[in-house]
Amino acid sequence: MIQISGLEAVKNLDEFQKEEIYGIIKRRIEKISDISYIYNVTLHAKAYDEESNRKKYVFRCKFASQSRLIFARNGGLGHP
């Protein structure tokens, strides 16, 4: 039901943090499921190299329900 790709691009991510990501996704599914049944979730993480040794992280998510697709994307998080 949940597919996650690209987390290997996010360095220094430990098992606890990965479990937190799964937990956040599950809580969001429960909230959205009140409106529409969610049968598939896809999350993709990507790290972009930026100047001055900084990285920008972008997360894209797709929730598939019986009646629609819901897309979400963060604006990017910068970290040294």
Foldseek 3Di string as FASTA:
>chain_A
DEAEDAVVQVPPQDPVNVVVVVVVVVVVQVVCVVVFHWDYKYKYWHWDQDPPRKIWIKIWMWTDTPPDIDIDIDPTDIDD
